[in-house]
Amino acid sequence: MLKKIYTFLIVSAAVVLCLLPNIKSTASATPPDRTAAQIYSRYCVGCHGRDGSSQTPKGKFSHARDMTDAKWQDDVTDERIYNSITNGRNVRGNMPGFKDKINQQETESLVTMVRGFRK
């Protein structure tokens, strides 16, 4: 009986050790970062439009910021843009925050993209 228990424990340990590398690699794998264009297309284009001018029906209704406006671009800091993306804004309209959907590096790339909308 004792021999059967030892055999079972050795076989079980061997199975666990064989599966362990697969479990570790799956658990620690992180999805690749998305490009700013991919993120913008998914979360921003509905209100701000492809060109950042916010001339979409949803953008007009929610008073979305025209990110092509040179005066706004001059007045706003990168930090404020970053915070608006992360936490949202309730000024003029209601922009949701995306801190649970976009990581720090992706948010920084969006700030750079927003700066590129300047006309």
Protein backbone atom coordinates (compact mmCIF):
# COMPACT_ATOMS: atom_id res chain seq x y z
CA MET A 1 0.00 0.00 0.00
CA LEU A 2 2.81 2.40 0.93
CA LYS A 3 4.52 1.65 -2.38
CA LYS A 4 1.35 2.68 -4.28
CA ILE A 5 1.18 5.98 -2.38
CA TYR A 6 4.85 6.77 -3.12
CA THR A 7 4.35 5.90 -6.78
CA PHE A 8 1.27 8.13 -6.96
CA LEU A 9 3.13 11.04 -5.31
CA ILE A 10 6.14 10.70 -7.64
CA VAL A 11 3.94 10.54 -10.75
CA SER A 12 1.85 13.50 -9.53
CA ALA A 13 4.98 15.55 -8.83
CA ALA A 14 6.36 14.73 -12.28
CA VAL A 15 3.11 15.83 -13.94
CA VAL A 16 3.06 19.10 -11.98
CA LEU A 17 6.70 19.81 -12.83
CA CYS A 18 6.03 19.18 -16.52
CA LEU A 19 3.05 21.54 -16.53
CA LEU A 20 4.63 24.26 -14.38
CA PRO A 21 6.60 26.01 -17.19
CA ASN A 22 3.41 26.29 -19.26
CA ILE A 23 1.46 27.70 -16.35
CA LYS A 24 4.16 30.29 -15.58
CA SER A 25 4.51 31.49 -19.16
CA THR A 26 0.77 31.86 -19.58
CA ALA A 27 0.25 33.67 -16.27
CA SER A 28 3.09 36.14 -16.72
CA ALA A 29 2.46 36.87 -20.39
CA THR A 30 1.15 40.37 -20.97
CA PRO A 31 -0.65 41.45 -24.10
CA PRO A 32 1.46 43.53 -26.46
CA ASP A 33 1.02 47.28 -26.28
CA ARG A 34 -1.35 48.69 -28.84
CA THR A 35 -0.40 51.59 -31.06
CA ALA A 36 -1.84 55.03 -30.39
CA ALA A 37 -3.79 54.78 -33.66
CA GLN A 38 -5.37 51.48 -32.56
CA ILE A 39 -6.35 52.90 -29.18
CA TYR A 40 -7.65 56.13 -30.69
CA SER A 41 -9.75 54.19 -33.20
CA ARG A 42 -11.25 52.08 -30.45
CA TYR A 43 -11.93 54.62 -27.72
CA CYS A 44 -11.70 58.16 -29.11
CA VAL A 45 -12.81 58.38 -32.72
CA GLY A 46 -16.52 58.14 -31.88
CA CYS A 47 -16.46 61.57 -30.24
CA HIS A 48 -13.29 63.25 -31.48
CA GLY A 49 -13.44 62.01 -35.08
CA ARG A 50 -10.60 60.63 -37.18
CA ASP A 51 -9.01 64.07 -37.52
CA GLY A 52 -9.49 65.19 -33.89
CA SER A 53 -11.90 68.00 -34.80
CA SER A 54 -14.85 66.46 -32.90
CA GLN A 55 -17.29 67.03 -35.75
CA THR A 56 -19.02 63.68 -35.26
CA PRO A 57 -22.68 63.61 -34.18
CA LYS A 58 -21.68 62.14 -30.82
CA GLY A 59 -18.85 64.68 -30.46
CA LYS A 60 -21.15 67.60 -31.17
CA PHE A 61 -23.77 66.31 -28.76
CA SER A 62 -21.27 65.76 -25.95
CA HIS A 63 -19.28 68.95 -26.66
CA ALA A 64 -16.08 66.95 -27.22
CA ARG A 65 -12.88 68.98 -27.38
CA ASP A 66 -11.66 70.05 -30.82
CA MET A 67 -8.08 68.87 -30.54
CA THR A 68 -7.09 70.63 -33.78
CA ASP A 69 -7.59 74.07 -32.21
CA ALA A 70 -4.19 75.82 -32.05
CA LYS A 71 -5.19 78.02 -29.08
CA TRP A 72 -6.24 74.99 -27.05
CA GLN A 73 -3.04 73.20 -28.03
CA ASP A 74 -1.02 76.22 -26.81
CA ASP A 75 -2.89 76.43 -23.50
CA VAL A 76 -3.08 72.75 -22.52
CA THR A 77 -0.16 70.83 -20.99
CA ASP A 78 0.77 67.26 -21.77
CA GLU A 79 0.03 66.46 -18.14
CA ARG A 80 -3.53 67.78 -18.46
CA ILE A 81 -4.12 65.77 -21.63
CA TYR A 82 -2.72 62.67 -19.89
CA ASN A 83 -4.96 63.26 -16.84
CA SER A 84 -8.02 63.82 -19.04
CA ILE A 85 -7.43 60.53 -20.84
CA THR A 86 -6.81 58.70 -17.58
CA ASN A 87 -9.48 60.22 -15.34
CA GLY A 88 -11.97 61.74 -17.78
CA ARG A 89 -13.39 65.26 -17.78
CA ASN A 90 -16.69 66.79 -16.75
CA VAL A 91 -16.10 70.23 -18.26
CA ARG A 92 -18.15 71.28 -21.30
CA GLY A 93 -19.23 67.65 -21.73
CA ASN A 94 -18.68 64.30 -20.12
CA MET A 95 -15.57 62.37 -21.18
CA PRO A 96 -15.08 59.04 -19.43
CA GLY A 97 -11.73 58.05 -17.96
CA PHE A 98 -9.80 55.18 -19.51
CA LYS A 99 -7.40 54.23 -16.68
CA ASP A 100 -8.86 50.72 -16.56
CA LYS A 101 -8.55 50.23 -20.33
CA ILE A 102 -5.30 51.94 -21.33
CA ASN A 103 -1.92 51.52 -19.66
CA GLN A 104 0.57 54.32 -18.93
CA GLN A 105 2.69 53.81 -22.05
CA GLU A 106 -0.41 53.72 -24.26
CA THR A 107 -1.73 56.90 -22.64
CA GLU A 108 1.59 58.67 -23.26
CA SER A 109 1.45 57.64 -26.92
CA LEU A 110 -2.08 59.06 -27.14
CA VAL A 111 -0.84 62.39 -25.74
CA THR A 112 1.71 62.51 -28.57
CA MET A 113 -1.02 61.67 -31.09
CA VAL A 114 -3.29 64.43 -29.72
CA ARG A 115 -0.44 66.91 -30.15
CA GLY A 116 -0.23 65.84 -33.80
CA PHE A 117 -3.83 67.01 -34.44
CA ARG A 118 -2.84 70.69 -34.15
CA LYS A 119 -3.72 72.77 -37.21
